[in-house]
N, C-alpha and C. Protein backbone atom coordinates (compact mmCIF):
# COMPACT_ATOMS: atom_id res chain seq x y z
N MET A 1 0.77 -1.34 0.02
CA MET A 1 0.28 0.03 0.04
C MET A 1 0.56 1.09 0.26
N HIS A 2 0.97 1.69 -0.72
CA HIS A 2 1.48 3.22 -1.32
C HIS A 2 1.09 4.11 -0.84
N LYS A 3 0.87 5.54 0.27
CA LYS A 3 0.37 6.61 0.05
C LYS A 3 1.42 7.27 0.45
N GLU A 4 0.46 8.65 -0.35
CA GLU A 4 1.56 10.20 -0.97
C GLU A 4 0.73 11.08 0.20
N PRO A 5 1.02 11.59 1.11
CA PRO A 5 1.01 12.92 2.00
C PRO A 5 0.94 13.65 1.06
N GLU A 6 0.13 15.44 1.84
CA GLU A 6 0.13 16.36 0.86
C GLU A 6 1.23 17.33 1.47
N PRO A 7 1.70 17.26 2.73
CA PRO A 7 3.18 18.33 3.10
C PRO A 7 4.39 17.77 2.39
N PRO A 8 4.91 18.86 1.72
CA PRO A 8 5.98 18.65 1.52
C PRO A 8 7.38 17.73 2.81
N LYS A 9 8.57 17.15 1.23
CA LYS A 9 8.72 16.55 2.20
C LYS A 9 9.81 16.76 3.25
N SER A 10 9.91 15.80 4.38
CA SER A 10 10.68 16.18 5.28
C SER A 10 11.13 14.96 6.17
N GLN A 11 12.34 14.72 6.28
CA GLN A 11 13.16 13.26 6.99
C GLN A 11 12.68 13.08 8.58
N PHE A 12 11.84 11.76 8.09
CA PHE A 12 10.78 10.99 9.36
C PHE A 12 12.15 10.50 10.07
N PRO A 13 11.72 10.56 11.67
CA PRO A 13 12.81 9.87 12.83
C PRO A 13 13.05 8.47 12.31
N PRO A 14 13.42 7.50 13.24
CA PRO A 14 13.70 5.94 13.51
C PRO A 14 12.90 6.06 14.24
N GLY A 15 11.74 5.41 13.94
CA GLY A 15 10.69 5.33 14.87
C GLY A 15 10.11 6.06 15.50
N CYS A 16 8.58 6.35 16.25
CA CYS A 16 7.76 7.35 16.92
C CYS A 16 8.13 8.13 18.12
N PRO A 17 8.39 9.18 17.79
CA PRO A 17 9.17 9.63 18.76
C PRO A 17 7.72 10.20 20.43
N MET A 18 7.34 9.64 19.57
CA MET A 18 6.07 10.65 20.99
C MET A 18 6.28 9.17 21.81
N HIS A 19 6.70 7.53 21.88
CA HIS A 19 6.38 6.82 22.80
C HIS A 19 7.76 7.38 23.31
N LYS A 20 8.17 6.19 24.11
CA LYS A 20 8.94 5.55 25.55
C LYS A 20 10.11 5.93 24.91
N ALA A 21 10.64 6.82 26.16
CA ALA A 21 12.33 7.17 26.43
C ALA A 21 12.68 6.38 27.57
N ASN A 22 14.48 6.60 28.13
CA ASN A 22 14.48 5.89 28.76
C ASN A 22 14.76 6.55 29.79
N ASP A 23 14.23 7.41 29.95
CA ASP A 23 14.53 8.64 30.93
C ASP A 23 14.15 8.06 32.22
N GLY A 24 13.16 7.35 32.84
CA GLY A 24 12.45 7.00 33.99
C GLY A 24 10.47 8.04 33.94
N ALA A 25 10.65 8.70 32.57
CA ALA A 25 9.40 9.24 33.25
C ALA A 25 8.11 8.04 33.11
N GLU A 26 7.22 8.52 33.60
CA GLU A 26 6.33 7.78 33.64
C GLU A 26 5.31 7.58 32.80
N LEU A 27 4.56 6.68 32.20
CA LEU A 27 3.83 6.02 30.98
C LEU A 27 2.34 5.58 31.14
N ASN A 28 1.95 6.46 30.03
CA ASN A 28 0.33 6.50 29.89
C ASN A 28 -0.05 4.55 29.82
N SER A 29 -0.21 3.97 30.65
CA SER A 29 -0.51 2.37 29.49
C SER A 29 -0.88 1.95 28.07
N LEU A 30 -2.07 2.71 27.86
CA LEU A 30 -3.02 2.32 26.99
C LEU A 30 -2.11 3.05 25.46
N ASN A 31 -0.97 4.04 25.53
CA ASN A 31 -0.09 3.83 24.30
C ASN A 31 0.97 4.15 24.94
N MET A 32 1.62 3.92 26.08
CA MET A 32 3.37 3.84 26.48
C MET A 32 3.79 5.28 25.86
N MET A 33 3.18 5.75 26.52
CA MET A 33 3.76 7.72 25.79
C MET A 33 3.69 8.50 27.09
N PRO A 34 4.52 9.33 27.64
CA PRO A 34 5.18 10.08 28.52
C PRO A 34 3.96 10.76 28.36
N GLU A 35 3.47 11.50 29.08
CA GLU A 35 2.60 12.73 29.55
C GLU A 35 3.68 13.85 29.08
N LEU A 36 3.45 14.70 27.65
CA LEU A 36 4.25 15.99 28.10
C LEU A 36 3.49 16.81 27.47
N ASN A 37 4.61 18.17 28.15
CA ASN A 37 3.90 19.94 28.29
C ASN A 37 3.98 20.32 27.25
N GLN A 38 2.97 20.94 26.95
CA GLN A 38 3.36 22.76 25.73
C GLN A 38 3.99 23.20 25.97
N ARG A 39 4.94 22.65 26.68
CA ARG A 39 6.07 24.56 26.95
C ARG A 39 6.58 24.31 26.04
N PRO A 40 7.25 25.29 25.27
CA PRO A 40 8.59 25.90 24.61
C PRO A 40 9.81 25.66 25.38
N GLN A 41 10.67 25.33 24.49
CA GLN A 41 11.87 24.34 25.07
C GLN A 41 13.09 26.19 24.99
N ASP A 42 14.03 25.56 25.70
CA ASP A 42 14.16 27.01 26.50
C ASP A 42 15.07 28.05 25.41
N ASP A 43 15.63 26.90 24.63
CA ASP A 43 16.03 27.88 23.27
C ASP A 43 15.47 27.46 21.72
N GLN A 44 14.12 27.31 22.31
CA GLN A 44 13.38 27.26 20.94
C GLN A 44 13.03 28.88 20.25
N THR A 45 13.55 29.42 19.51
CA THR A 45 12.93 30.36 18.60
C THR A 45 11.91 30.32 17.54
N LEU A 46 11.33 29.30 17.57
CA LEU A 46 9.77 29.80 16.60
C LEU A 46 9.06 28.48 16.76
N GLU A 47 7.73 29.55 17.45
CA GLU A 47 6.53 29.27 17.86
C GLU A 47 5.79 27.78 17.65
N LEU A 48 5.72 27.16 17.81
CA LEU A 48 5.19 26.29 17.08
C LEU A 48 3.45 26.10 18.12
N PRO A 49 2.95 25.55 16.99
CA PRO A 49 1.08 25.32 17.64
C PRO A 49 1.02 24.30 18.93
N THR A 50 -0.14 24.22 19.90
CA THR A 50 -0.64 23.90 20.61
C THR A 50 -1.84 23.17 20.16
N GLU A 51 -2.44 23.63 19.61
CA GLU A 51 -3.03 22.82 19.45
C GLU A 51 -3.52 21.46 18.62
N ARG A 52 -4.30 20.42 20.19
CA ARG A 52 -4.41 18.72 19.05
C ARG A 52 -5.32 19.01 18.25
N VAL A 53 -4.80 17.99 17.19
CA VAL A 53 -5.85 17.60 15.93
C VAL A 53 -6.70 15.90 16.80
N ILE A 54 -8.15 15.82 16.19
CA ILE A 54 -8.65 15.09 16.93
C ILE A 54 -9.11 13.98 15.97
N SER A 55 -8.44 12.44 15.60
CA SER A 55 -8.22 11.55 14.24
C SER A 55 -9.70 11.26 14.33
N SER A 56 -9.21 10.51 13.94
CA SER A 56 -11.12 9.60 13.08
C SER A 56 -11.00 8.12 13.92
N ILE A 57 -10.13 7.99 14.96
CA ILE A 57 -10.04 6.45 15.92
C ILE A 57 -10.82 6.76 17.03
N PRO A 58 -11.15 5.43 17.33
CA PRO A 58 -12.33 5.58 18.29
C PRO A 58 -11.49 4.87 19.54
N LYS A 59 -11.95 5.52 20.86
CA LYS A 59 -10.55 4.95 21.76
C LYS A 59 -11.31 3.69 22.79
N ALA A 60 -12.40 3.83 22.63
CA ALA A 60 -13.55 3.15 23.20
C ALA A 60 -15.18 3.02 22.69
N LYS A 61 -15.25 1.62 23.56
CA LYS A 61 -16.74 1.14 23.18
C LYS A 61 -18.07 2.08 23.38
N ASP A 62 -18.82 2.17 22.55
CA ASP A 62 -19.70 3.20 22.55
C ASP A 62 -20.21 4.53 23.02
N SER A 63 -18.93 5.12 22.66
CA SER A 63 -18.66 6.82 22.79
C SER A 63 -18.28 7.34 21.79
N ASN A 64 -18.43 8.50 21.52
CA ASN A 64 -17.63 9.07 20.42
C ASN A 64 -16.39 10.03 20.62
N SER A 65 -15.59 9.38 21.76
CA SER A 65 -14.29 10.26 22.02
C SER A 65 -13.71 9.29 20.77
N LYS A 66 -12.76 10.54 20.70
CA LYS A 66 -11.83 9.55 19.75
C LYS A 66 -10.21 10.25 20.46
N TRP A 67 -9.04 9.20 19.94
CA TRP A 67 -7.43 9.45 20.21
C TRP A 67 -7.34 11.26 19.30
N GLU A 68 -6.03 11.92 20.26
CA GLU A 68 -5.63 13.12 19.84
C GLU A 68 -4.84 12.91 19.41
N TYR A 69 -3.84 13.60 18.20
CA TYR A 69 -2.55 13.36 17.88
C TYR A 69 -1.50 14.60 18.76
N PRO A 70 -0.53 14.50 19.00
CA PRO A 70 -0.30 15.47 19.74
C PRO A 70 -0.32 16.65 18.70
N SER A 71 0.33 17.57 19.57
CA SER A 71 -0.09 18.92 19.00
C SER A 71 1.98 19.26 18.57
N PRO A 72 2.43 19.86 17.48
CA PRO A 72 3.59 20.28 16.50
C PRO A 72 4.36 20.53 17.69
N GLN A 73 3.83 21.24 19.47
CA GLN A 73 4.90 21.81 20.52
C GLN A 73 4.78 20.49 21.37
N GLN A 74 4.21 19.69 21.73
CA GLN A 74 4.53 18.25 22.10
C GLN A 74 5.45 17.34 21.19
N PHE A 75 5.26 17.46 19.73
CA PHE A 75 5.96 16.76 19.11
C PHE A 75 7.57 16.91 18.85
N TYR A 76 7.69 18.07 19.02
CA TYR A 76 9.29 18.52 19.11
C TYR A 76 9.59 18.60 20.48
N ASN A 77 8.84 18.85 21.63
CA ASN A 77 9.22 18.67 22.82
C ASN A 77 9.71 17.10 22.78
N ALA A 78 9.20 15.85 22.18
CA ALA A 78 9.04 14.61 22.33
C ALA A 78 10.61 14.65 21.56
N LEU A 79 11.32 14.74 20.83
CA LEU A 79 11.86 14.56 19.79
C LEU A 79 12.93 15.00 20.55
N ARG A 80 13.21 16.66 20.96
CA ARG A 80 14.08 17.00 22.09
C ARG A 80 14.21 15.96 23.53
N ARG A 81 12.99 15.25 23.94
CA ARG A 81 13.42 15.07 24.71
C ARG A 81 14.37 12.89 24.72
N LYS A 82 14.06 12.85 23.04
CA LYS A 82 15.58 11.88 22.50
C LYS A 82 16.43 11.91 22.18
N GLY A 83 16.90 13.50 22.48
CA GLY A 83 17.65 13.96 21.81
C GLY A 83 17.97 13.58 20.42
N TRP A 84 17.30 13.78 19.70
CA TRP A 84 17.30 14.62 17.53
C TRP A 84 16.62 15.21 17.81
N GLU A 85 17.68 16.23 17.23
CA GLU A 85 17.80 17.36 16.40
C GLU A 85 17.18 17.33 15.60
N THR A 86 15.97 18.21 15.62
CA THR A 86 15.42 18.23 13.93
C THR A 86 15.30 19.75 14.15
N PRO A 87 15.11 20.44 12.92
CA PRO A 87 14.80 22.12 12.35
C PRO A 87 13.31 22.28 13.21
N GLU A 88 12.95 23.61 14.08
CA GLU A 88 11.83 23.51 13.99
C GLU A 88 10.79 23.72 12.95
N HIS A 89 11.64 24.33 12.06
CA HIS A 89 10.29 24.72 11.05
C HIS A 89 9.92 23.35 9.85
N GLU A 90 10.07 22.12 10.81
CA GLU A 90 9.74 20.98 9.71
C GLU A 90 8.77 20.38 10.58
N ILE A 91 8.53 20.54 11.98
CA ILE A 91 7.65 20.52 12.91
C ILE A 91 6.36 19.57 12.30
N GLU A 92 6.08 20.99 12.59
CA GLU A 92 4.67 20.82 11.19
C GLU A 92 4.41 19.43 10.73
N THR A 93 4.98 20.07 9.26
CA THR A 93 4.63 18.76 8.50
C THR A 93 5.12 17.70 8.66
N MET A 94 5.83 16.96 9.93
CA MET A 94 6.48 16.61 10.76
C MET A 94 5.23 15.28 11.16
N VAL A 95 4.52 16.39 11.93
CA VAL A 95 3.22 16.28 13.03
C VAL A 95 2.02 15.61 12.16
N ASP A 96 1.62 16.73 10.63
CA ASP A 96 0.87 16.16 9.44
C ASP A 96 1.42 14.67 8.72
N ILE A 97 2.27 14.13 8.66
CA ILE A 97 2.87 13.07 7.62
C ILE A 97 2.09 11.91 9.29
N HIS A 98 2.96 12.29 10.09
CA HIS A 98 2.56 11.54 11.03
C HIS A 98 1.40 10.93 11.60
N ASN A 99 0.36 12.44 11.71
CA ASN A 99 -1.24 12.03 12.15
C ASN A 99 -1.61 11.03 10.04
N PHE A 100 -1.32 11.71 9.08
CA PHE A 100 -1.71 10.84 8.06
C PHE A 100 -1.39 9.32 7.91
N LEU A 101 -0.14 8.97 8.63
CA LEU A 101 0.07 7.77 7.92
C LEU A 101 -0.76 6.68 9.47
N ASN A 102 -0.77 7.46 11.02
CA ASN A 102 -1.50 6.75 11.34
C ASN A 102 -3.51 6.58 11.05
N GLU A 103 -3.90 7.55 10.25
CA GLU A 103 -5.41 7.19 10.01
C GLU A 103 -5.35 6.44 8.59
N GLU A 104 -3.95 6.12 7.85
CA GLU A 104 -4.43 5.11 6.91
C GLU A 104 -4.09 3.87 7.54
N ALA A 105 -3.04 3.46 8.30
CA ALA A 105 -3.35 2.82 9.63
C ALA A 105 -4.59 2.24 10.02
N TRP A 106 -5.27 2.99 10.05
CA TRP A 106 -6.83 2.86 10.94
C TRP A 106 -7.52 2.05 9.53
N ASN A 107 -7.33 3.23 8.31
CA ASN A 107 -8.20 2.75 7.53
C ASN A 107 -8.36 0.87 6.99
N GLU A 108 -6.16 0.84 7.01
CA GLU A 108 -6.31 -0.34 6.64
C GLU A 108 -6.77 -1.94 7.67
N VAL A 109 -6.99 -1.25 9.18
CA VAL A 109 -7.87 -2.21 10.04
C VAL A 109 -9.11 -2.56 10.14
N LEU A 110 -9.55 -1.56 9.60
CA LEU A 110 -11.10 -1.55 9.54
C LEU A 110 -11.41 -2.49 8.41
N LYS A 111 -9.84 -2.56 7.08
CA LYS A 111 -10.59 -3.67 5.96
C LYS A 111 -10.25 -5.09 6.40
N TRP A 112 -9.23 -5.26 7.52
CA TRP A 112 -9.28 -6.30 8.00
C TRP A 112 -10.54 -7.01 8.92
N GLU A 113 -10.72 -6.05 10.06
CA GLU A 113 -12.05 -6.11 10.34
C GLU A 113 -13.37 -6.58 9.60
N SER A 114 -13.11 -5.85 8.93
CA SER A 114 -14.70 -6.49 8.15
C SER A 114 -14.26 -7.96 7.46
N LYS A 115 -13.24 -9.11 7.64
CA LYS A 115 -13.43 -10.12 7.17
C LYS A 115 -13.14 -11.52 8.64
N TYR A 116 -13.40 -10.18 9.50
CA TYR A 116 -13.85 -11.64 10.75
C TYR A 116 -15.30 -11.76 10.74
N LYS A 117 -15.94 -12.51 11.14
CA LYS A 117 -16.71 -13.03 11.48
C LYS A 117 -17.19 -12.56 12.75
N CYS A 118 -18.36 -11.46 12.65
CA CYS A 118 -18.95 -11.02 14.31
C CYS A 118 -20.68 -10.73 14.26
N ASP A 119 -20.89 -11.58 15.40
CA ASP A 119 -22.66 -11.44 15.57
C ASP A 119 -22.70 -10.50 16.35
N CYS A 120 -22.09 -9.53 16.68
CA CYS A 120 -22.56 -8.28 17.39
C CYS A 120 -22.83 -6.73 16.14
N THR A 121 -22.88 -6.09 16.75
CA THR A 121 -23.24 -4.55 15.81
C THR A 121 -22.11 -3.68 16.57
N GLU A 122 -21.49 -4.42 17.10
CA GLU A 122 -20.80 -2.87 18.04
C GLU A 122 -19.06 -3.48 16.55
N ASP A 123 -19.08 -1.53 16.99
CA ASP A 123 -18.16 -1.09 15.60
C ASP A 123 -16.14 -1.30 17.23
N PRO A 124 -15.45 -1.34 16.12
CA PRO A 124 -14.26 -1.48 16.94
C PRO A 124 -13.38 -0.43 16.70
N TYR A 125 -12.74 -0.81 18.23
CA TYR A 125 -12.03 0.70 18.53
C TYR A 125 -10.70 0.75 19.10
N LEU A 126 -9.88 0.94 19.10
CA LEU A 126 -7.97 1.01 19.46
C LEU A 126 -7.98 1.52 20.85
N SER A 127 -8.09 0.14 21.94
CA SER A 127 -7.99 -0.02 23.07
C SER A 127 -6.79 0.95 23.80
N LYS A 128 -5.81 0.18 22.46
CA LYS A 128 -3.88 0.74 23.27
C LYS A 128 -2.88 0.35 21.84
N PHE A 129 -2.12 1.32 22.40
CA PHE A 129 -1.28 0.91 21.40
C PHE A 129 0.33 1.27 21.61
N GLN A 130 1.37 0.21 21.22
CA GLN A 130 2.41 0.42 21.82
C GLN A 130 3.95 1.00 20.83
N GLY A 131 4.35 1.55 20.51
CA GLY A 131 5.31 1.72 19.13
C GLY A 131 6.60 1.12 20.09
N ARG A 132 6.92 0.04 18.90
CA ARG A 132 8.12 -1.04 19.16
C ARG A 132 9.30 -1.18 18.09
N PRO A 133 9.82 0.06 18.10
CA PRO A 133 10.24 0.25 16.48
C PRO A 133 12.40 -0.28 16.64
N LYS A 134 12.82 -0.14 17.58
CA LYS A 134 13.71 -1.71 17.79
C LYS A 134 13.44 -3.32 18.05
N GLU A 135 12.57 -3.45 17.33
CA GLU A 135 12.01 -4.62 17.29
C GLU A 135 11.14 -5.00 16.40
N MET A 136 11.79 -5.66 15.67
CA MET A 136 11.62 -5.68 13.83
C MET A 136 10.88 -7.15 13.83
N THR A 137 9.46 -7.31 12.89
CA THR A 137 8.32 -7.97 13.53
C THR A 137 9.18 -9.08 12.51
N PRO A 138 8.56 -10.64 12.81
CA PRO A 138 9.57 -11.81 11.62
C PRO A 138 9.20 -12.22 10.50
N LYS A 139 8.22 -11.06 9.70
CA LYS A 139 7.96 -11.18 8.42
C LYS A 139 8.79 -10.01 7.99
N ALA A 140 8.94 -8.36 8.14
CA ALA A 140 10.21 -7.80 8.17
C ALA A 140 11.65 -8.28 8.79
N LYS A 141 12.34 -9.06 9.61
CA LYS A 141 12.94 -9.16 9.76
C LYS A 141 13.63 -10.66 8.60
N TRP A 142 12.87 -11.16 8.04
CA TRP A 142 12.44 -12.74 7.03
C TRP A 142 12.99 -11.75 5.48
N HIS A 143 11.86 -10.63 5.05
CA HIS A 143 12.34 -10.40 3.60
C HIS A 143 13.50 -9.25 4.13
N SER A 144 14.01 -8.93 5.34
CA SER A 144 14.83 -7.81 5.13
C SER A 144 16.82 -8.66 5.01
N LEU A 145 16.70 -10.48 5.20
CA LEU A 145 17.28 -11.50 4.93
C LEU A 145 17.77 -11.82 3.31
N PHE A 146 17.06 -11.41 2.65
CA PHE A 146 16.64 -11.02 1.50
C PHE A 146 16.94 -9.56 0.68
N GLY A 147 17.54 -8.98 1.06
CA GLY A 147 17.65 -7.27 0.99
C GLY A 147 16.65 -6.38 0.74
N ALA A 148 15.60 -6.40 1.30
CA ALA A 148 14.64 -5.98 1.78
C ALA A 148 14.76 -4.76 2.58
N PRO A 149 14.45 -3.21 1.98
CA PRO A 149 14.61 -2.48 3.15
C PRO A 149 13.62 -2.87 4.31
N LYS A 150 14.65 -2.30 5.37
CA LYS A 150 14.22 -2.09 6.85
C LYS A 150 12.87 -1.29 6.52
N PRO A 151 11.75 -1.74 7.72
CA PRO A 151 10.56 -0.36 8.46
C PRO A 151 11.75 0.52 9.79
N PHE A 152 10.63 1.74 9.00
CA PHE A 152 12.07 2.78 10.13
C PHE A 152 11.27 2.78 11.83
N ASP A 153 9.55 1.87 11.75
CA ASP A 153 8.98 1.81 12.88
C ASP A 153 7.75 1.12 12.87
N ARG A 154 7.83 0.69 14.15
CA ARG A 154 6.68 -0.34 14.10
C ARG A 154 6.05 -0.19 14.78
N HIS A 155 4.59 -0.61 14.84
CA HIS A 155 3.69 -0.50 15.71
C HIS A 155 2.79 -1.56 16.41
N ASP A 156 2.46 -1.85 17.55
CA ASP A 156 1.64 -2.94 17.55
C ASP A 156 -0.12 -1.94 18.93
N TRP A 157 -1.02 -2.23 17.93
CA TRP A 157 -1.99 -1.73 18.08
C TRP A 157 -3.09 -2.47 18.60
N TYR A 158 -4.07 -2.51 19.64
CA TYR A 158 -4.84 -3.53 19.93
C TYR A 158 -6.57 -3.20 20.35
N VAL A 159 -6.66 -4.14 18.91
CA VAL A 159 -8.31 -3.45 18.65
C VAL A 159 -9.44 -4.30 19.71
N SER A 160 -10.23 -3.89 19.67
CA SER A 160 -11.30 -4.64 20.78
C SER A 160 -12.49 -4.18 19.77
N ARG A 161 -13.41 -5.34 19.99
CA ARG A 161 -14.38 -5.36 19.77
C ARG A 161 -15.27 -6.63 20.05
N CYS A 162 -16.52 -6.31 20.30
CA CYS A 162 -17.36 -7.51 20.49
C CYS A 162 -16.49 -8.37 21.59
N GLY A 163 -16.34 -7.64 22.75
CA GLY A 163 -15.87 -8.26 23.67
C GLY A 163 -14.22 -8.79 23.78
N GLN A 164 -13.64 -9.04 22.31
CA GLN A 164 -12.10 -9.39 22.13
C GLN A 164 -11.56 -8.33 21.43
N SER A 165 -9.62 -8.67 22.00
CA SER A 165 -9.11 -7.84 22.04
C SER A 165 -8.10 -8.51 20.67
N ARG A 166 -7.98 -7.78 20.00
CA ARG A 166 -6.99 -8.48 18.29
C ARG A 166 -5.86 -7.29 18.28
N ARG A 167 -4.53 -8.24 18.16
CA ARG A 167 -2.97 -7.62 18.29
C ARG A 167 -3.25 -6.80 16.73
N TYR A 168 -2.54 -5.97 16.18
CA TYR A 168 -2.31 -5.34 14.76
C TYR A 168 -1.10 -5.17 15.11
N VAL A 169 -0.13 -5.73 13.92
CA VAL A 169 1.51 -5.45 13.31
C VAL A 169 1.12 -4.11 12.14
N ILE A 170 1.54 -3.42 12.88
CA ILE A 170 2.26 -2.35 11.74
C ILE A 170 3.80 -2.18 11.63
N ASP A 171 4.24 -2.25 10.13
CA ASP A 171 5.38 -2.21 10.07
C ASP A 171 5.56 -0.92 8.89
N TYR A 172 6.27 -0.08 9.11
CA TYR A 172 6.52 1.65 8.31
C TYR A 172 7.60 1.63 7.83
N TYR A 173 7.40 1.86 6.30
CA TYR A 173 8.44 2.01 5.46
C TYR A 173 8.44 2.76 4.68
N GLU A 174 9.48 3.62 4.44
CA GLU A 174 9.42 5.13 3.11
C GLU A 174 9.68 3.84 2.07
N ALA A 175 9.55 4.85 0.88
CA ALA A 175 9.10 4.46 -0.52
C ALA A 175 9.94 5.29 -1.53
N PRO A 176 10.23 4.56 -3.15
CA PRO A 176 10.96 5.82 -3.34
C PRO A 176 9.74 6.93 -3.95
N GLU A 177 9.99 7.79 -4.04
CA GLU A 177 9.44 9.56 -4.14
C GLU A 177 8.87 8.43 -5.89
N ASP A 178 7.16 9.18 -5.66
CA ASP A 178 6.64 9.61 -7.20
C ASP A 178 7.19 10.55 -8.41
N GLN A 179 7.11 11.81 -7.45
CA GLN A 179 7.16 12.65 -7.58
C GLN A 179 8.48 13.73 -6.90
N PRO A 180 9.37 13.91 -7.43
CA PRO A 180 10.04 15.30 -6.73
C PRO A 180 9.58 15.84 -5.20
N GLY A 181 10.20 15.94 -4.63
CA GLY A 181 9.70 16.02 -3.08
C GLY A 181 8.17 15.99 -1.92
N VAL A 182 7.76 14.53 -3.18
CA VAL A 182 6.25 14.12 -1.96
C VAL A 182 6.70 12.79 -1.74
N PRO A 183 6.75 12.13 -0.53
CA PRO A 183 7.63 11.26 0.74
C PRO A 183 5.97 10.41 0.19
N VAL A 184 6.42 9.54 0.05
CA VAL A 184 6.10 8.21 -0.77
C VAL A 184 6.40 7.48 1.08
N PHE A 185 5.23 6.80 1.56
CA PHE A 185 5.34 5.46 2.46
C PHE A 185 4.94 4.52 2.40
N HIS A 186 4.88 3.31 2.27
CA HIS A 186 4.67 2.41 3.16
C HIS A 186 4.07 1.65 3.87
N LEU A 187 2.98 1.09 4.08
CA LEU A 187 2.03 0.44 5.48
C LEU A 187 1.78 -0.57 4.99
N ASP A 188 2.88 -1.32 6.09
CA ASP A 188 2.31 -3.19 5.94
C ASP A 188 1.29 -3.10 7.07
N VAL A 189 0.22 -3.50 7.22
CA VAL A 189 -0.65 -3.66 8.57
C VAL A 189 -0.95 -5.51 8.23
N ARG A 190 -1.22 -5.44 9.12
CA ARG A 190 -2.31 -7.32 9.47
C ARG A 190 -2.29 -7.05 10.49
N PRO A 191 -3.22 -8.22 11.02
CA PRO A 191 -3.27 -9.02 12.11
C PRO A 191 -2.53 -9.71 12.69
N ALA A 192 -1.99 -9.88 13.82
CA ALA A 192 -1.21 -11.10 14.14
C ALA A 192 -1.05 -12.04 14.35
N LEU A 193 -0.42 -13.27 13.99
CA LEU A 193 -1.34 -14.98 14.46
C LEU A 193 -0.97 -15.43 16.08
N ASP A 194 -1.87 -14.26 16.24
CA ASP A 194 -1.88 -14.97 17.59
C ASP A 194 -2.70 -15.73 18.09
N ASP A 195 -3.68 -15.97 16.93
CA ASP A 195 -5.30 -16.99 17.20
C ASP A 195 -5.53 -17.78 15.95
N SER A 196 -6.08 -18.50 16.41
CA SER A 196 -6.46 -19.29 15.15
C SER A 196 -7.44 -18.59 14.16
N ALA A 197 -8.29 -17.99 14.71
CA ALA A 197 -8.66 -16.62 13.66
C ALA A 197 -7.99 -15.75 12.84
N SER A 198 -7.22 -15.58 13.14
CA SER A 198 -6.48 -14.67 12.80
C SER A 198 -5.13 -15.17 11.66
N VAL A 199 -5.24 -16.29 11.90
CA VAL A 199 -4.33 -17.36 10.82
C VAL A 199 -4.33 -17.63 9.82
N MET A 200 -6.57 -17.60 10.31
CA MET A 200 -7.05 -18.06 9.24
C MET A 200 -7.53 -17.26 7.82
N VAL A 201 -7.35 -15.78 8.58
CA VAL A 201 -7.84 -14.40 7.58
C VAL A 201 -6.98 -14.24 6.64
N ARG A 202 -5.16 -14.26 7.57
CA ARG A 202 -5.13 -13.90 6.79
C ARG A 202 -3.67 -14.83 5.86
N PHE A 203 -3.83 -16.10 6.18
CA PHE A 203 -3.95 -17.12 4.81
C PHE A 203 -4.91 -17.46 3.68
N LYS A 204 -5.97 -16.33 4.41
CA LYS A 204 -7.14 -16.70 3.15
C LYS A 204 -7.33 -15.15 2.58
N GLU A 205 -6.46 -14.46 2.93
CA GLU A 205 -5.94 -13.07 2.07
C GLU A 205 -4.98 -13.66 1.40
N ALA A 206 -3.85 -13.55 2.14
CA ALA A 206 -3.00 -14.60 0.77
C ALA A 206 -2.93 -15.07 -0.26
N ALA A 207 -4.14 -16.35 0.00
CA ALA A 207 -3.98 -16.64 -0.95
C ALA A 207 -5.21 -16.01 -1.86
N LYS A 208 -6.31 -15.47 -1.33
CA LYS A 208 -6.71 -14.41 -2.51
C LYS A 208 -5.88 -13.41 -2.83
N THR A 209 -4.89 -12.84 -2.53
CA THR A 209 -3.92 -12.28 -3.68
C THR A 209 -2.76 -13.06 -5.06
N LYS A 210 -2.07 -13.73 -4.16
CA LYS A 210 -1.71 -15.03 -5.13
C LYS A 210 -3.10 -15.49 -6.39
N TRP A 211 -3.93 -15.87 -6.37
CA TRP A 211 -5.14 -15.95 -7.70
C TRP A 211 -4.94 -14.79 -7.95
N GLU A 212 -5.11 -13.77 -7.60
CA GLU A 212 -5.41 -12.51 -8.44
C GLU A 212 -4.09 -12.33 -9.50
N GLN A 213 -3.34 -12.62 -9.05
CA GLN A 213 -1.51 -12.30 -9.02
C GLN A 213 -1.75 -13.39 -10.49
N TRP A 214 -2.32 -14.79 -10.46
CA TRP A 214 -1.66 -15.83 -11.36
C TRP A 214 -2.54 -15.78 -12.34
N PHE A 215 -4.03 -15.91 -11.62
CA PHE A 215 -5.39 -15.70 -12.60
C PHE A 215 -5.88 -14.44 -13.23
N PRO A 216 -5.73 -13.44 -13.42
CA PRO A 216 -5.85 -11.88 -13.83
C PRO A 216 -7.14 -11.95 -14.85
N SER A 217 -8.22 -11.89 -14.44
CA SER A 217 -9.45 -11.62 -14.58
C SER A 217 -9.55 -10.44 -16.28
N ALA A 218 -10.19 -11.30 -17.73
CA ALA A 218 -9.87 -10.77 -18.61
C ALA A 218 -10.19 -9.36 -18.48
N GLU A 219 -10.47 -8.71 -18.00
CA GLU A 219 -11.47 -7.54 -17.47
C GLU A 219 -9.63 -6.48 -16.97
N LYS A 220 -8.89 -6.87 -16.02
CA LYS A 220 -7.84 -6.13 -15.95
C LYS A 220 -6.41 -6.38 -16.66
N SER A 221 -6.96 -7.48 -17.46
CA SER A 221 -5.77 -7.88 -17.97
C SER A 221 -6.11 -7.03 -19.62
N THR A 222 -6.83 -6.45 -19.96
CA THR A 222 -7.11 -5.57 -20.86
C THR A 222 -6.86 -3.80 -20.75
């Protein structure tokens, strides 16, 4: 899946800066992130917005509450907290890309969720998530052995629905630009192989993809 966000290119740091650093800060158990303040850095020269964008991703059952993205100031504070030097004028673009990728990841999750049998009418929601950029997934590790690029980030999302929680694994890759100056990213979103239902869903989807590759319809081939 290739996605082209609107903002101009900005170098994205390896791993989401919003997740934990090894400084002993207390973490929120739902997202494994510290509570970041909105105060500018002492040596900061550019005023960054403190407004937070509300995502489309539900965070609780039978609720209108949605996950909120960090403000540019919080994002910058997180980068500085991890010791990553990033030009202040690039922060808003980086936040836009961060938000865009997470919205696309949620859309992919919903596609997978539609493949599961569920007797209830409850909509899926993201109950918690965790960034794990230093832990490559088995799939990414296997492909890298054959020369494939390594992802620059990994998230584990826990999606709840009908009284069950399902873990999704998301690998984030940079992809070659189709247009100069427009960044392209590839997201590999799939349910983790934690249960028989997810194994079966993954198997059926892989078989369907291979079938379409091997036996394309006449309409597609013309």
